[in-house]
Each structure stands twice: as C-alpha cells, then as structure tokens.
Amino acid sequence: MENGAKGCEVIVSGKLRAQRAKAMKFVEGFMIHSGQPARDYVDYAVRHVLLRQGVIGIKVKIMRDHDPQGKLGPKKPLPDAIVILDPKEEKVYPKPFSEDKRPAPPVVPQQQQQQPPQEIPVA
C-alpha cells in the first residue's frame, strides 16, 4: 500500500495452528473482483507451501493504481472514474431580453414581386 497500490488481499489457508484446516483473509483498501477492470488492474499470485503438517496455500491480490504513462499501473482509467470540470463563465446581462431562434423566412427577389400581370390581347 505504501508503494501506490489501491488495495490488497491476502488469503492463507490450510492447517494453520490445529489439526483442522482454516482460512484467514486479510484485506486493506479498494479491490475490484469482476469484469475487465479486474483483469487490467489486479495482479494475482498463488503459492503452495509444503510443511510437515500439510500444505498451506497463499493467495495474494494487489490492485494497482491508474498510471497515465503505463509504467506503474494500467494506462487506461477505471470506467467509473469521474472527472469534474470547472464551470463555464456565464454572461452577465444588464436586463432580461429574448432572442428569436426561429429560422429567417426565405428572401424573395424583388423582380418577382414587382412585375404587373401581363395583359392578353383580345382579337
């Protein structure tokens, strides 16, 4: 945890102190257990220790933190990471007004409007 991990989990199982097998779980910090982020962010190791009384299994999971350079952790951020941006500055208006947001009517050329109707000669 001191080296930048977000969380860790250690499970020790087997014959620890008595004849019966037990499992002890030690957890600290934040840990994801499912989905693609668990594959990207969690390092997992399993070791078996052979003792005179029997076998002890040790499982260790370490969840690394996001690293934009990709050296100490995954390059892509968690999918639920939220970035809060600064608000935009608002315009200050001295008094209320309204804007016409409708599209402007099409402009008809004046030649078509000014032509008088043509007379038809009667024979």
Foldseek 3Di string as FASTA:
>chain_A
DVVAFQWKKKKKWDCDPDLDIDIDMDIDGDADDDDPLNVFFKDKDKDWDQDPSGIMIMIMIIGHAADCVCPRGHNDHDPPDDDDDDDDDDDDDPDDDDDDPDDDDDDDDVVVVPDDDDDDDDD
